Amino acid sequence: MNSSGLSRGLFSVAAFVIFIAGLRAAGSIIIPFLLATFIAIISAPAMIWLKKKGIRASFSVLIIVATVLCVIWVLIQIAGSSINQFANASEDYQVRLIAINQEWIHWLEDKGVDIKAETFNQLINPARAMTLVVTTLTQFLRGMLTNTFLILLTVVFLLLELAGLPNKLQIALGTDHASIPALNRFSESLNRYLAIKSCISLVTGILAYTLCRFIGLDYALLWGILAFLLNYVPNIGSILAAVPPVMLALVQFGTARGIATFIGYMSINIILGNLVEPRVMGKGLGLSTLVVWMSLIFWGWVFGPVGMLLSVPLTMVVKIAMESKEETQWIAILLGSDPGEPTSLSQAITNEPSEEVD
């Protein structure tokens, strides 16, 4: 407490580095808990609705967990079968993609572009891309199967604790504690975000499945599920979901339908991601666009794909934690969206209206 500001700043940075290193080291334990928390938050409104209908908490949890288990089982069955077929046919797809590469090289040479085949294949390596797609999907499915029991058991305990959590917080902290309104705001914002994001992701998956079926792609249901899941990843998730079906369209039907598939996916992403979602979300999320992008990179580095999936909720936790103390409110303001055009920094912090100048 008696040290200089520089010493305290260096100490804070060192503590932050150690804390992040601990998160990465404990990822195998934290990741299932984060996924369970994610599922529990999504399921909480359903549990509250069931309790209002007079169903006991234990039976409500049983119904919700059984529903979640059925959904996961169906997804694993569909995705597992499609991934196995896709992996078995990946070598044929790679051969066809290499042949398409050669066609592009000849086309560029006919147009007067002098390019070496080795250089072109290093820039655009379809075999590596196809292998990455199969490996990623297989690892994701294996991870779901490995941690399903642990995740579901954690969801059960979280939902059982959900009913008494507000009373516990009020008794522990006091009804007038500053953290209670912040926690309420966080809960409302997070529930709203996840509800809207889930609906938009579902529409994205349905449209992607419809597009793939219309074009005639193999494993259309797999690409729809992939679009639904990756749409939770901000900014780049929908783009990543478009890569496998676009490559498959190139293999199955050639360049024309490959371009058509790409245009179809981009249209879905532009309409839903840039037009519909911002209008529905409004400013309730309260995070800067740059912060959303940086949080995607940061949490993805800490926790891998699960961190990317949960990057926005995790950053919202940090933002609300910063808002709870006066000395860290400036960090929350920097993490938030544009508050307008205050005439001074003090007005931005205190949210005081600016005086009009005659």
Protein backbone atom coordinates (compact mmCIF):
# COMPACT_ATOMS: atom_id res chain seq x y z
CA MET A 1 0.00 0.00 0.00
CA ASN A 2 2.95 2.33 0.65
CA SER A 3 4.73 1.53 -2.62
CA SER A 4 4.75 3.79 -5.67
CA GLY A 5 2.15 3.71 -8.42
CA LEU A 6 4.63 2.08 -10.80
CA SER A 7 5.34 -0.71 -8.32
CA ARG A 8 1.62 -1.35 -7.79
CA GLY A 9 1.07 -1.40 -11.57
CA LEU A 10 3.89 -3.91 -12.10
CA PHE A 11 2.52 -6.04 -9.26
CA SER A 12 -0.96 -6.00 -10.84
CA VAL A 13 0.45 -7.02 -14.23
CA ALA A 14 2.43 -9.86 -12.65
CA ALA A 15 -0.63 -11.08 -10.74
CA PHE A 16 -2.67 -10.97 -13.96
CA VAL A 17 -0.07 -13.05 -15.82
CA ILE A 18 0.01 -15.65 -13.04
CA PHE A 19 -3.79 -15.77 -12.95
CA ILE A 20 -4.05 -16.35 -16.72
CA ALA A 21 -1.32 -19.01 -16.58
CA GLY A 22 -3.32 -20.75 -13.85
CA LEU A 23 -6.46 -20.66 -16.01
CA ARG A 24 -4.60 -22.27 -18.92
CA ALA A 25 -3.07 -24.91 -16.66
CA ALA A 26 -6.47 -25.78 -15.15
CA GLY A 27 -8.27 -25.74 -18.51
CA SER A 28 -9.24 -29.42 -18.35
CA ILE A 29 -11.26 -28.67 -15.19
CA ILE A 30 -12.52 -25.19 -16.01
CA ILE A 31 -13.72 -25.89 -19.57
CA PRO A 32 -16.38 -28.49 -18.60
CA PHE A 33 -17.57 -26.16 -15.83
CA LEU A 34 -17.86 -23.25 -18.29
CA LEU A 35 -19.84 -25.39 -20.73
CA ALA A 36 -22.10 -26.57 -17.91
CA THR A 37 -22.65 -22.97 -16.81
CA PHE A 38 -23.47 -22.03 -20.41
CA ILE A 39 -26.08 -24.81 -20.66
CA ALA A 40 -27.49 -24.00 -17.21
CA ILE A 41 -27.97 -20.31 -18.07
CA ILE A 42 -29.76 -21.22 -21.30
CA SER A 43 -31.94 -23.73 -19.41
CA ALA A 44 -32.72 -21.42 -16.48
CA PRO A 45 -35.78 -19.71 -18.10
CA ALA A 46 -37.28 -23.15 -18.83
CA MET A 47 -36.78 -24.21 -15.23
CA ILE A 48 -38.39 -21.01 -13.92
CA TRP A 49 -41.36 -21.57 -16.25
CA LEU A 50 -41.75 -25.17 -15.04
CA LYS A 51 -41.67 -24.03 -11.40
CA LYS A 52 -44.39 -21.47 -12.10
CA LYS A 53 -46.51 -24.34 -13.43
CA GLY A 54 -46.24 -26.00 -10.02
CA ILE A 55 -43.58 -28.61 -10.86
CA ARG A 56 -41.05 -29.27 -8.10
CA ALA A 57 -37.45 -28.15 -8.60
CA SER A 58 -36.09 -31.72 -8.68
CA PHE A 59 -38.55 -32.80 -11.38
CA SER A 60 -37.91 -29.60 -13.33
CA VAL A 61 -34.18 -30.31 -13.35
CA LEU A 62 -34.84 -33.91 -14.39
CA ILE A 63 -36.99 -32.79 -17.34
CA ILE A 64 -34.44 -30.20 -18.47
CA VAL A 65 -31.45 -32.55 -18.17
CA ALA A 66 -33.32 -35.32 -20.03
CA THR A 67 -34.14 -32.85 -22.82
CA VAL A 68 -30.54 -31.62 -23.01
CA LEU A 69 -29.28 -35.21 -23.04
CA CYS A 70 -31.63 -36.11 -25.89
CA VAL A 71 -30.53 -33.08 -27.91
CA ILE A 72 -26.84 -33.88 -27.36
CA TRP A 73 -27.41 -37.54 -28.26
CA VAL A 74 -29.18 -36.62 -31.51
CA LEU A 75 -26.44 -34.13 -32.43
CA ILE A 76 -23.70 -36.67 -31.68
CA GLN A 77 -25.45 -39.38 -33.72
CA ILE A 78 -25.97 -37.12 -36.73
CA ALA A 79 -22.58 -35.43 -36.54
CA GLY A 80 -20.71 -38.65 -35.77
CA SER A 81 -22.15 -40.54 -38.72
CA SER A 82 -21.55 -37.64 -41.11
CA ILE A 83 -18.01 -37.03 -39.84
CA ASN A 84 -17.08 -40.69 -40.28
CA GLN A 85 -18.39 -40.71 -43.85
CA PHE A 86 -16.71 -37.40 -44.54
CA ALA A 87 -13.38 -38.65 -43.13
CA ASN A 88 -13.54 -41.84 -45.21
CA ALA A 89 -14.13 -39.84 -48.37
CA SER A 90 -11.62 -37.09 -47.54
CA GLU A 91 -8.81 -38.66 -49.57
CA ASP A 92 -10.96 -38.65 -52.72
CA TYR A 93 -11.93 -35.05 -51.98
CA GLN A 94 -8.27 -34.08 -51.62
CA VAL A 95 -7.40 -35.64 -54.98
CA ARG A 96 -10.23 -33.74 -56.66
CA LEU A 97 -9.23 -30.48 -55.00
CA ILE A 98 -5.64 -30.91 -56.20
CA ALA A 99 -6.96 -31.45 -59.73
CA ILE A 100 -9.01 -28.25 -59.39
CA ASN A 101 -5.83 -26.47 -58.26
CA GLN A 102 -4.14 -27.57 -61.46
CA GLU A 103 -7.06 -26.24 -63.50
CA TRP A 104 -6.76 -22.86 -61.80
CA ILE A 105 -3.00 -22.78 -62.47
CA HIS A 106 -3.58 -23.49 -66.18
CA TRP A 107 -6.32 -20.83 -66.28
CA LEU A 108 -3.98 -18.24 -64.73
CA GLU A 109 -1.23 -19.18 -67.19
CA ASP A 110 -3.65 -18.74 -70.09
CA LYS A 111 -4.41 -15.25 -68.78
CA GLY A 112 -0.72 -14.41 -68.80
CA VAL A 113 -0.09 -14.82 -65.06
CA ASP A 114 3.24 -16.54 -64.52
CA ILE A 115 2.94 -18.60 -61.34
CA LYS A 116 4.74 -21.73 -60.23
CA ALA A 117 2.69 -24.74 -59.21
CA GLU A 118 4.68 -25.16 -55.95
CA THR A 119 4.06 -21.56 -54.91
CA PHE A 120 0.35 -21.79 -55.71
CA ASN A 121 -0.02 -25.06 -53.81
CA GLN A 122 1.71 -23.55 -50.77
CA LEU A 123 -0.69 -20.59 -50.80
CA ILE A 124 -3.78 -22.71 -51.44
CA ASN A 125 -3.32 -26.18 -49.99
CA PRO A 126 -6.64 -28.02 -50.24
CA ALA A 127 -5.26 -31.25 -48.78
CA ARG A 128 -4.14 -29.47 -45.62
CA ALA A 129 -7.44 -27.59 -45.37
CA MET A 130 -9.49 -30.78 -45.76
CA THR A 131 -7.37 -32.59 -43.15
CA LEU A 132 -7.83 -29.67 -40.75
CA VAL A 133 -11.62 -29.79 -41.20
CA VAL A 134 -11.78 -33.52 -40.46
CA THR A 135 -9.40 -33.27 -37.48
CA THR A 136 -11.28 -30.33 -35.92
CA LEU A 137 -14.68 -31.97 -36.24
CA THR A 138 -13.36 -35.27 -34.87
CA GLN A 139 -11.70 -33.61 -31.86
CA PHE A 140 -14.85 -31.62 -31.09
CA LEU A 141 -17.01 -34.77 -31.19
CA ARG A 142 -14.53 -36.68 -29.02
CA GLY A 143 -14.50 -33.84 -26.50
CA MET A 144 -18.29 -33.88 -26.29
CA LEU A 145 -18.33 -37.63 -25.67
CA THR A 146 -15.57 -37.47 -23.06
CA ASN A 147 -17.05 -34.71 -20.90
CA THR A 148 -20.78 -35.30 -21.41
CA PHE A 149 -21.35 -37.01 -18.05
CA LEU A 150 -19.31 -34.45 -16.09
CA ILE A 151 -21.02 -31.52 -17.85
CA LEU A 152 -24.53 -32.88 -17.30
CA LEU A 153 -23.84 -33.65 -13.63
CA THR A 154 -22.56 -30.10 -13.15
CA VAL A 155 -25.66 -28.74 -14.91
CA VAL A 156 -27.86 -30.64 -12.44
CA PHE A 157 -26.12 -29.10 -9.40
CA LEU A 158 -26.10 -25.62 -10.96
CA LEU A 159 -29.82 -25.73 -11.68
CA LEU A 160 -30.58 -27.02 -8.18
CA GLU A 161 -28.55 -24.16 -6.69
CA LEU A 162 -30.16 -21.61 -8.98
CA ALA A 163 -33.40 -21.38 -7.02
CA GLY A 164 -31.74 -20.39 -3.75
CA LEU A 165 -28.84 -18.37 -5.12
CA PRO A 166 -30.50 -14.90 -4.97
CA ASN A 167 -31.46 -15.41 -1.32
CA LYS A 168 -27.95 -16.59 -0.47
CA LEU A 169 -26.40 -13.52 -2.10
CA GLN A 170 -28.74 -11.14 -0.32
CA ILE A 171 -28.02 -12.75 3.06
CA ALA A 172 -24.26 -12.91 2.44
CA LEU A 173 -23.80 -9.44 0.95
CA GLY A 174 -26.84 -7.58 2.25
CA THR A 175 -29.77 -6.26 0.28
CA ASP A 176 -28.13 -2.83 -0.11
CA HIS A 177 -24.76 -4.12 -1.33
CA ALA A 178 -23.54 -2.53 -4.58
CA SER A 179 -22.83 -5.95 -6.13
CA ILE A 180 -26.51 -7.03 -6.09
CA PRO A 181 -27.71 -4.61 -8.83
CA ALA A 182 -24.58 -5.39 -10.87
CA LEU A 183 -25.26 -9.12 -10.65
CA ASN A 184 -28.90 -8.57 -11.63
CA ARG A 185 -27.83 -6.51 -14.64
CA PHE A 186 -25.32 -9.17 -15.61
CA SER A 187 -27.89 -11.96 -15.32
CA GLU A 188 -30.46 -10.07 -17.41
CA SER A 189 -27.93 -9.04 -20.07
CA LEU A 190 -26.43 -12.51 -20.33
CA ASN A 191 -29.83 -14.24 -20.54
CA ARG A 192 -30.96 -11.78 -23.20
CA TYR A 193 -27.76 -12.19 -25.19
CA LEU A 194 -27.84 -16.00 -25.08
CA ALA A 195 -31.55 -16.14 -25.94
CA ILE A 196 -31.18 -13.85 -28.96
CA LYS A 197 -27.93 -15.50 -30.06
CA SER A 198 -29.49 -18.96 -29.80
CA CYS A 199 -32.47 -17.94 -31.94
CA ILE A 200 -30.27 -16.31 -34.58
CA SER A 201 -27.89 -19.29 -34.56
CA LEU A 202 -30.83 -21.65 -35.05
CA VAL A 203 -32.08 -19.60 -38.02
CA THR A 204 -28.53 -19.54 -39.42
CA GLY A 205 -28.26 -23.31 -39.16
CA ILE A 206 -31.64 -23.85 -40.83
CA LEU A 207 -30.77 -21.49 -43.69
CA ALA A 208 -27.35 -23.11 -44.16
CA TYR A 209 -28.96 -26.57 -44.25
CA THR A 210 -31.56 -25.37 -46.77
CA LEU A 211 -28.85 -23.82 -48.96
CA CYS A 212 -26.75 -27.00 -48.92
CA ARG A 213 -29.77 -29.17 -49.74
CA PHE A 214 -30.78 -26.83 -52.57
CA ILE A 215 -27.28 -26.98 -54.08
CA GLY A 216 -27.15 -30.76 -53.54
CA LEU A 217 -24.17 -30.97 -51.19
CA ASP A 218 -23.41 -34.14 -49.28
CA TYR A 219 -23.83 -34.04 -45.47
CA ALA A 220 -26.11 -30.99 -45.60
CA LEU A 221 -27.35 -31.64 -42.05
CA LEU A 222 -23.77 -31.68 -40.74
CA TRP A 223 -23.07 -28.28 -42.32
CA GLY A 224 -26.30 -26.91 -40.81
CA ILE A 225 -25.29 -28.09 -37.33
CA LEU A 226 -21.81 -26.65 -37.84
CA ALA A 227 -23.27 -23.27 -38.85
CA PHE A 228 -25.52 -23.31 -35.77
CA LEU A 229 -22.65 -24.03 -33.36
CA LEU A 230 -20.04 -21.73 -34.90
CA ASN A 231 -22.47 -18.80 -35.05
CA TYR A 232 -21.95 -18.48 -31.28
CA VAL A 233 -18.33 -17.52 -32.06
CA PRO A 234 -18.43 -13.77 -32.79
CA ASN A 235 -17.08 -12.26 -36.00
CA ILE A 236 -15.33 -15.28 -37.54
CA GLY A 237 -17.56 -18.21 -36.55
CA SER A 238 -19.91 -17.93 -39.52
CA ILE A 239 -16.96 -17.52 -41.89
CA LEU A 240 -15.31 -20.68 -40.55
CA ALA A 241 -18.60 -22.56 -40.93
CA ALA A 242 -18.66 -21.68 -44.63
CA VAL A 243 -15.21 -23.14 -45.45
CA PRO A 244 -16.03 -26.92 -45.48
CA PRO A 245 -19.25 -26.69 -47.59
CA VAL A 246 -17.61 -24.30 -50.07
CA MET A 247 -14.69 -26.71 -50.54
CA LEU A 248 -17.07 -29.64 -50.83
CA ALA A 249 -19.09 -27.77 -53.48
CA LEU A 250 -15.88 -27.22 -55.45
CA VAL A 251 -15.16 -30.95 -55.26
CA GLN A 252 -18.65 -32.16 -56.11
CA PHE A 253 -19.78 -29.70 -58.74
CA GLY A 254 -16.86 -27.48 -59.74
CA THR A 255 -16.05 -23.81 -59.49
CA ALA A 256 -19.48 -22.40 -60.45
CA ARG A 257 -21.43 -24.07 -57.62
CA GLY A 258 -18.54 -23.48 -55.25
CA ILE A 259 -18.85 -19.74 -55.89
CA ALA A 260 -22.64 -19.99 -55.57
CA THR A 261 -22.25 -21.70 -52.18
CA PHE A 262 -19.84 -19.01 -51.05
CA ILE A 263 -22.24 -16.24 -52.12
CA GLY A 264 -25.12 -18.01 -50.36
CA TYR A 265 -23.23 -18.28 -47.08
CA MET A 266 -22.04 -14.67 -47.27
CA SER A 267 -25.61 -13.54 -47.91
CA ILE A 268 -26.83 -15.40 -44.82
CA ASN A 269 -24.03 -13.92 -42.71
CA ILE A 270 -24.57 -10.38 -43.97
CA ILE A 271 -28.34 -10.44 -43.53
CA LEU A 272 -28.40 -12.09 -40.11
CA GLY A 273 -25.04 -10.98 -38.71
CA ASN A 274 -24.90 -7.37 -39.93
CA LEU A 275 -28.55 -6.41 -40.31
CA VAL A 276 -30.86 -8.55 -38.14
CA GLU A 277 -28.64 -9.27 -35.11
CA PRO A 278 -27.52 -5.67 -34.40
CA ARG A 279 -31.11 -4.45 -34.63
CA VAL A 280 -32.35 -7.13 -32.25
CA MET A 281 -29.41 -6.88 -29.85
CA GLY A 282 -29.45 -3.10 -29.77
CA LYS A 283 -27.01 -1.68 -27.24
CA GLY A 284 -27.95 -4.06 -24.45
CA LEU A 285 -24.74 -6.03 -24.81
CA GLY A 286 -22.64 -2.98 -23.96
CA LEU A 287 -19.33 -4.21 -25.43
CA SER A 288 -17.15 -2.47 -27.96
CA THR A 289 -16.74 -4.19 -31.33
CA LEU A 290 -12.97 -4.12 -30.91
CA VAL A 291 -13.30 -5.63 -27.43
CA VAL A 292 -15.48 -8.44 -28.81
CA TRP A 293 -12.82 -9.23 -31.42
CA MET A 294 -9.92 -9.07 -28.94
CA SER A 295 -11.84 -11.17 -26.41
CA LEU A 296 -12.37 -13.80 -29.10
CA ILE A 297 -8.60 -14.03 -29.64
CA PHE A 298 -7.73 -13.87 -25.94
CA TRP A 299 -10.22 -16.42 -24.59
CA GLY A 300 -9.54 -18.67 -27.58
CA TRP A 301 -5.86 -18.62 -26.62
CA VAL A 302 -6.66 -19.39 -22.97
CA PHE A 303 -9.35 -22.09 -23.36
CA GLY A 304 -9.26 -23.07 -27.04
CA PRO A 305 -12.51 -23.46 -29.06
CA VAL A 306 -14.66 -23.37 -25.91
CA GLY A 307 -13.10 -20.03 -24.98
CA MET A 308 -14.00 -18.66 -28.41
CA LEU A 309 -17.55 -19.93 -27.98
CA LEU A 310 -17.91 -18.25 -24.58
CA SER A 311 -15.73 -15.19 -25.24
CA VAL A 312 -18.57 -12.65 -25.06
CA PRO A 313 -20.16 -13.95 -21.79
CA LEU A 314 -16.72 -14.18 -20.15
CA THR A 315 -15.87 -10.62 -21.18
CA MET A 316 -19.23 -9.42 -19.84
CA VAL A 317 -18.30 -10.96 -16.47
CA VAL A 318 -15.04 -9.00 -16.49
CA LYS A 319 -16.81 -5.76 -17.49
CA ILE A 320 -19.42 -6.01 -14.73
CA ALA A 321 -16.72 -6.90 -12.19
CA MET A 322 -14.83 -3.75 -13.20
CA GLU A 323 -18.01 -1.66 -12.84
CA SER A 324 -18.47 -2.73 -9.21
CA LYS A 325 -15.47 -0.70 -7.94
CA GLU A 326 -14.78 2.98 -8.47
CA GLU A 327 -11.05 2.50 -9.09
CA THR A 328 -11.71 0.10 -11.99
CA GLN A 329 -14.74 1.78 -13.56
CA TRP A 330 -12.53 3.36 -16.21
CA ILE A 331 -11.66 -0.15 -17.47
CA ALA A 332 -15.38 -0.97 -17.75
CA ILE A 333 -15.92 2.22 -19.77
CA LEU A 334 -13.12 1.27 -22.18
CA LEU A 335 -14.60 -2.23 -22.57
CA GLY A 336 -18.09 -0.84 -23.23
CA SER A 337 -19.66 0.52 -26.39
CA ASP A 338 -19.59 4.19 -27.36
CA PRO A 339 -21.52 6.13 -24.65
CA GLY A 340 -21.97 9.18 -26.86
CA GLU A 341 -20.01 12.40 -26.97
CA PRO A 342 -19.42 13.69 -23.42
CA THR A 343 -17.75 17.06 -23.06
CA SER A 344 -15.32 15.76 -20.45
CA LEU A 345 -13.98 12.49 -19.10
CA SER A 346 -15.61 13.12 -15.71
CA GLN A 347 -19.04 13.29 -17.37
CA ALA A 348 -18.32 10.00 -19.14
CA ILE A 349 -17.46 8.34 -15.83
CA THR A 350 -20.30 9.81 -13.78
CA ASN A 351 -22.81 9.67 -16.68
CA GLU A 352 -23.76 13.29 -16.01
CA PRO A 353 -25.53 15.11 -18.86
CA SER A 354 -23.48 17.83 -20.53
CA GLU A 355 -24.61 21.44 -20.20
CA GLU A 356 -25.74 23.13 -23.36
CA VAL A 357 -23.67 26.12 -24.46
CA ASP A 358 -25.62 29.25 -25.39
